[in-house]
Amino acid sequence: MRGAWQRQTALTSNIANADTPGYARQEVNFESELQSAMNGGEPLDQVEFQTEVQPGAVGPNGTTVSVDEESAKLAENGLDYQALTQVAGVRNSIVSAAIGLA
C-alpha cells in the first residue's frame, strides 16, 4: 500500500506541475521493487520505493507531462489502492477470527 500511496503522490505532483516549464514527469514502479524483494527473500515491509524521473518528449508547455495520461494513471492507481485496502481488511478479519476476536 505504501507503493501505491507514493505513486499517487508522484502522479498528483505531475498533474500539479503540468505547466511548469522544464518539469519532467515522475513515476514509482513499486511492482518491480516488490517482485525483486520477493525473489531475493527480503522482508516486504522493508522495501524502499524510489520515485524516478521519466524521460519523454517535451510538449508545447515545456514539460514531459500529459495531463490526460496522468489523470488516467491516477484513476487506475486509485482503483489499485482501493483493492489493496479491501484485501488488507479481509486479511485482518481472517486473522481476528482465527485468534477469536471476531
N, C-alpha and C. Protein backbone atom coordinates (compact mmCIF):
# COMPACT_ATOMS: atom_id res chain seq x y z
N MET A 1 0.81 -1.19 0.00
CA MET A 1 0.00 0.00 0.00
C MET A 1 0.86 1.26 0.00
N ARG A 2 2.05 1.15 0.60
CA ARG A 2 2.95 2.32 0.61
C ARG A 2 3.35 2.69 -0.80
N GLY A 3 3.58 1.69 -1.63
CA GLY A 3 3.99 1.96 -3.01
C GLY A 3 2.89 2.65 -3.80
N ALA A 4 1.66 2.18 -3.63
CA ALA A 4 0.53 2.81 -4.33
C ALA A 4 0.34 4.25 -3.84
N TRP A 5 0.53 4.46 -2.54
CA TRP A 5 0.40 5.81 -1.99
C TRP A 5 1.48 6.72 -2.55
N GLN A 6 2.70 6.21 -2.63
CA GLN A 6 3.81 7.01 -3.15
C GLN A 6 3.58 7.32 -4.63
N ARG A 7 3.05 6.34 -5.38
CA ARG A 7 2.75 6.58 -6.79
C ARG A 7 1.67 7.65 -6.91
N GLN A 8 0.66 7.60 -6.04
CA GLN A 8 -0.40 8.60 -6.05
C GLN A 8 0.18 10.00 -5.86
N THR A 9 1.12 10.11 -4.96
CA THR A 9 1.78 11.40 -4.70
C THR A 9 2.54 11.87 -5.94
N ALA A 10 3.25 10.97 -6.60
CA ALA A 10 4.01 11.33 -7.80
C ALA A 10 3.06 11.77 -8.92
N LEU A 11 1.96 11.04 -9.09
CA LEU A 11 1.01 11.38 -10.14
C LEU A 11 0.36 12.75 -9.90
N THR A 12 -0.02 13.01 -8.66
CA THR A 12 -0.63 14.31 -8.37
C THR A 12 0.39 15.44 -8.54
N SER A 13 1.65 15.16 -8.23
CA SER A 13 2.70 16.15 -8.45
C SER A 13 2.88 16.42 -9.94
N ASN A 14 2.80 15.36 -10.74
CA ASN A 14 2.92 15.51 -12.19
C ASN A 14 1.81 16.42 -12.72
N ILE A 15 0.59 16.17 -12.27
CA ILE A 15 -0.54 16.98 -12.74
C ILE A 15 -0.39 18.43 -12.27
N ALA A 16 0.01 18.60 -11.04
CA ALA A 16 0.17 19.96 -10.49
C ALA A 16 1.25 20.75 -11.24
N ASN A 17 2.25 20.05 -11.77
CA ASN A 17 3.36 20.72 -12.45
C ASN A 17 3.28 20.62 -13.97
N ALA A 18 2.12 20.28 -14.48
CA ALA A 18 1.97 20.07 -15.92
C ALA A 18 2.32 21.29 -16.74
N ASP A 19 2.20 22.47 -16.16
CA ASP A 19 2.52 23.71 -16.89
C ASP A 19 3.79 24.38 -16.38
N THR A 20 4.59 23.64 -15.62
CA THR A 20 5.85 24.18 -15.12
C THR A 20 6.96 23.86 -16.12
N PRO A 21 7.47 24.86 -16.84
CA PRO A 21 8.50 24.59 -17.84
C PRO A 21 9.70 23.86 -17.25
N GLY A 22 10.15 22.83 -17.96
CA GLY A 22 11.32 22.06 -17.52
C GLY A 22 10.99 20.91 -16.59
N TYR A 23 9.73 20.80 -16.16
CA TYR A 23 9.37 19.71 -15.25
C TYR A 23 9.34 18.39 -16.01
N ALA A 24 9.93 17.36 -15.43
CA ALA A 24 9.91 16.01 -16.01
C ALA A 24 9.02 15.13 -15.13
N ARG A 25 8.16 14.35 -15.77
CA ARG A 25 7.22 13.52 -15.01
C ARG A 25 7.96 12.51 -14.16
N GLN A 26 7.33 12.16 -13.05
CA GLN A 26 7.90 11.20 -12.11
C GLN A 26 7.02 9.95 -12.06
N GLU A 27 7.63 8.84 -11.71
CA GLU A 27 6.91 7.57 -11.63
C GLU A 27 7.47 6.74 -10.49
N VAL A 28 6.61 5.93 -9.88
CA VAL A 28 7.02 4.97 -8.86
C VAL A 28 6.60 3.60 -9.36
N ASN A 29 7.58 2.76 -9.66
CA ASN A 29 7.29 1.41 -10.15
C ASN A 29 7.44 0.44 -8.99
N PHE A 30 6.46 0.44 -8.08
CA PHE A 30 6.60 -0.36 -6.87
C PHE A 30 6.41 -1.85 -7.15
N GLU A 31 5.72 -2.21 -8.22
CA GLU A 31 5.53 -3.64 -8.52
C GLU A 31 6.86 -4.34 -8.77
N SER A 32 7.76 -3.70 -9.52
CA SER A 32 9.05 -4.33 -9.80
C SER A 32 9.90 -4.40 -8.53
N GLU A 33 9.80 -3.38 -7.66
CA GLU A 33 10.54 -3.40 -6.40
C GLU A 33 10.06 -4.55 -5.51
N LEU A 34 8.73 -4.73 -5.45
CA LEU A 34 8.18 -5.83 -4.65
C LEU A 34 8.60 -7.18 -5.22
N GLN A 35 8.56 -7.31 -6.54
CA GLN A 35 8.95 -8.57 -7.18
C GLN A 35 10.42 -8.88 -6.89
N SER A 36 11.28 -7.89 -6.96
CA SER A 36 12.70 -8.09 -6.67
C SER A 36 12.89 -8.52 -5.21
N ALA A 37 12.14 -7.88 -4.31
CA ALA A 37 12.26 -8.23 -2.89
C ALA A 37 11.79 -9.65 -2.63
N MET A 38 10.70 -10.04 -3.27
CA MET A 38 10.19 -11.41 -3.07
C MET A 38 11.16 -12.43 -3.65
N ASN A 39 11.73 -12.13 -4.81
CA ASN A 39 12.70 -13.04 -5.42
C ASN A 39 13.97 -13.15 -4.59
N GLY A 40 14.34 -12.05 -3.94
CA GLY A 40 15.56 -12.04 -3.13
C GLY A 40 15.35 -12.44 -1.69
N GLY A 41 14.10 -12.72 -1.30
CA GLY A 41 13.81 -13.14 0.06
C GLY A 41 13.88 -12.00 1.08
N GLU A 42 13.78 -10.76 0.62
CA GLU A 42 13.82 -9.62 1.54
C GLU A 42 12.47 -9.45 2.23
N PRO A 43 12.46 -8.94 3.45
CA PRO A 43 11.19 -8.63 4.12
C PRO A 43 10.46 -7.52 3.37
N LEU A 44 9.21 -7.73 3.04
CA LEU A 44 8.47 -6.78 2.22
C LEU A 44 8.21 -5.46 2.93
N ASP A 45 8.16 -5.50 4.25
CA ASP A 45 7.91 -4.25 4.98
C ASP A 45 9.13 -3.34 5.01
N GLN A 46 10.26 -3.82 4.51
CA GLN A 46 11.47 -3.01 4.50
C GLN A 46 11.84 -2.54 3.09
N VAL A 47 10.99 -2.81 2.12
CA VAL A 47 11.27 -2.39 0.75
C VAL A 47 11.10 -0.88 0.64
N GLU A 48 12.07 -0.24 0.03
CA GLU A 48 12.02 1.21 -0.20
C GLU A 48 11.65 1.44 -1.66
N PHE A 49 10.66 2.28 -1.88
CA PHE A 49 10.22 2.60 -3.23
C PHE A 49 10.84 3.91 -3.67
N GLN A 50 11.34 3.94 -4.89
CA GLN A 50 12.02 5.11 -5.41
C GLN A 50 11.14 5.85 -6.42
N THR A 51 11.08 7.15 -6.27
CA THR A 51 10.42 7.99 -7.27
C THR A 51 11.47 8.33 -8.32
N GLU A 52 11.17 8.00 -9.56
CA GLU A 52 12.14 8.18 -10.64
C GLU A 52 11.62 9.19 -11.66
N VAL A 53 12.53 9.98 -12.17
CA VAL A 53 12.19 10.91 -13.25
C VAL A 53 12.14 10.11 -14.54
N GLN A 54 11.06 10.30 -15.29
CA GLN A 54 10.87 9.56 -16.54
C GLN A 54 11.19 10.45 -17.74
N PRO A 55 12.08 9.99 -18.60
CA PRO A 55 12.37 10.77 -19.80
C PRO A 55 11.17 10.72 -20.75
N GLY A 56 11.05 11.71 -21.56
CA GLY A 56 9.96 11.74 -22.53
C GLY A 56 10.07 12.95 -23.42
N ALA A 57 9.20 12.97 -24.40
CA ALA A 57 9.18 14.10 -25.33
C ALA A 57 8.60 15.33 -24.63
N VAL A 58 9.26 16.43 -24.80
CA VAL A 58 8.80 17.68 -24.21
C VAL A 58 7.68 18.23 -25.07
N GLY A 59 6.56 18.50 -24.42
CA GLY A 59 5.39 19.02 -25.11
C GLY A 59 5.45 20.53 -25.28
N PRO A 60 4.40 21.10 -25.85
CA PRO A 60 4.37 22.54 -26.09
C PRO A 60 4.40 23.38 -24.82
N ASN A 61 4.05 22.78 -23.69
CA ASN A 61 4.06 23.52 -22.42
C ASN A 61 5.43 23.44 -21.73
N GLY A 62 6.39 22.77 -22.36
CA GLY A 62 7.75 22.70 -21.81
C GLY A 62 7.97 21.59 -20.81
N THR A 63 7.03 20.66 -20.69
CA THR A 63 7.16 19.54 -19.75
C THR A 63 7.00 18.21 -20.48
N THR A 64 7.26 17.13 -19.76
CA THR A 64 7.03 15.80 -20.32
C THR A 64 5.72 15.20 -19.80
N VAL A 65 4.85 16.04 -19.24
CA VAL A 65 3.62 15.59 -18.62
C VAL A 65 2.44 15.75 -19.58
N SER A 66 1.67 14.70 -19.74
CA SER A 66 0.39 14.76 -20.43
C SER A 66 -0.68 14.64 -19.36
N VAL A 67 -1.46 15.68 -19.16
CA VAL A 67 -2.48 15.67 -18.11
C VAL A 67 -3.47 14.54 -18.33
N ASP A 68 -3.84 14.26 -19.57
CA ASP A 68 -4.78 13.17 -19.85
C ASP A 68 -4.21 11.82 -19.41
N GLU A 69 -2.96 11.56 -19.75
CA GLU A 69 -2.33 10.29 -19.37
C GLU A 69 -2.17 10.19 -17.86
N GLU A 70 -1.75 11.27 -17.24
CA GLU A 70 -1.57 11.25 -15.78
C GLU A 70 -2.91 11.06 -15.07
N SER A 71 -3.96 11.67 -15.58
CA SER A 71 -5.29 11.52 -14.97
C SER A 71 -5.77 10.08 -15.08
N ALA A 72 -5.52 9.44 -16.21
CA ALA A 72 -5.90 8.04 -16.37
C ALA A 72 -5.10 7.15 -15.41
N LYS A 73 -3.81 7.42 -15.29
CA LYS A 73 -2.97 6.65 -14.36
C LYS A 73 -3.39 6.88 -12.92
N LEU A 74 -3.81 8.11 -12.60
CA LEU A 74 -4.27 8.44 -11.27
C LEU A 74 -5.53 7.64 -10.92
N ALA A 75 -6.46 7.56 -11.87
CA ALA A 75 -7.68 6.79 -11.65
C ALA A 75 -7.36 5.30 -11.49
N GLU A 76 -6.47 4.77 -12.32
CA GLU A 76 -6.08 3.36 -12.22
C GLU A 76 -5.41 3.07 -10.88
N ASN A 77 -4.53 3.96 -10.47
CA ASN A 77 -3.84 3.77 -9.20
C ASN A 77 -4.82 3.85 -8.03
N GLY A 78 -5.80 4.71 -8.12
CA GLY A 78 -6.82 4.80 -7.08
C GLY A 78 -7.59 3.50 -6.93
N LEU A 79 -7.91 2.87 -8.07
CA LEU A 79 -8.60 1.58 -8.03
C LEU A 79 -7.70 0.50 -7.43
N ASP A 80 -6.42 0.53 -7.81
CA ASP A 80 -5.46 -0.43 -7.24
C ASP A 80 -5.37 -0.27 -5.73
N TYR A 81 -5.29 0.98 -5.26
CA TYR A 81 -5.19 1.25 -3.83
C TYR A 81 -6.44 0.77 -3.10
N GLN A 82 -7.58 1.01 -3.70
CA GLN A 82 -8.84 0.56 -3.10
C GLN A 82 -8.86 -0.96 -2.98
N ALA A 83 -8.41 -1.66 -4.01
CA ALA A 83 -8.36 -3.12 -3.96
C ALA A 83 -7.40 -3.59 -2.88
N LEU A 84 -6.26 -2.93 -2.75
CA LEU A 84 -5.29 -3.30 -1.73
C LEU A 84 -5.86 -3.11 -0.32
N THR A 85 -6.61 -2.04 -0.11
CA THR A 85 -7.20 -1.82 1.21
C THR A 85 -8.27 -2.86 1.52
N GLN A 86 -9.01 -3.29 0.50
CA GLN A 86 -10.01 -4.33 0.71
C GLN A 86 -9.34 -5.66 1.07
N VAL A 87 -8.27 -6.00 0.38
CA VAL A 87 -7.54 -7.23 0.67
C VAL A 87 -6.98 -7.18 2.09
N ALA A 88 -6.41 -6.05 2.48
CA ALA A 88 -5.87 -5.91 3.83
C ALA A 88 -6.97 -6.04 4.87
N GLY A 89 -8.14 -5.48 4.60
CA GLY A 89 -9.25 -5.59 5.53
C GLY A 89 -9.72 -7.02 5.70
N VAL A 90 -9.82 -7.75 4.60
CA VAL A 90 -10.23 -9.16 4.67
C VAL A 90 -9.18 -9.97 5.41
N ARG A 91 -7.92 -9.70 5.14
CA ARG A 91 -6.83 -10.40 5.84
C ARG A 91 -6.92 -10.17 7.34
N ASN A 92 -7.14 -8.93 7.73
CA ASN A 92 -7.26 -8.61 9.16
C ASN A 92 -8.46 -9.31 9.77
N SER A 93 -9.57 -9.39 9.05
CA SER A 93 -10.76 -10.07 9.55
C SER A 93 -10.48 -11.56 9.76
N ILE A 94 -9.76 -12.17 8.84
CA ILE A 94 -9.41 -13.59 8.95
C ILE A 94 -8.52 -13.83 10.16
N VAL A 95 -7.53 -12.97 10.34
CA VAL A 95 -6.62 -13.11 11.48
C VAL A 95 -7.39 -12.92 12.79
N SER A 96 -8.28 -11.93 12.84
CA SER A 96 -9.08 -11.69 14.04
C SER A 96 -9.96 -12.90 14.35
N ALA A 97 -10.57 -13.46 13.32
CA ALA A 97 -11.42 -14.64 13.54
C ALA A 97 -10.59 -15.83 14.01
N ALA A 98 -9.39 -15.97 13.46
CA ALA A 98 -8.54 -17.10 13.83
C ALA A 98 -8.09 -17.04 15.30
N ILE A 99 -7.93 -15.82 15.83
CA ILE A 99 -7.49 -15.72 17.22
C ILE A 99 -8.66 -15.46 18.16
N GLY A 100 -9.88 -15.52 17.61
CA GLY A 100 -11.07 -15.43 18.45
C GLY A 100 -11.52 -14.04 18.81
N LEU A 101 -11.12 -13.04 18.04
CA LEU A 101 -11.53 -11.67 18.33
C LEU A 101 -12.78 -11.24 17.55
N ALA A 102 -13.17 -12.03 16.58
CA ALA A 102 -14.32 -11.62 15.74
C ALA A 102 -15.61 -12.17 16.30
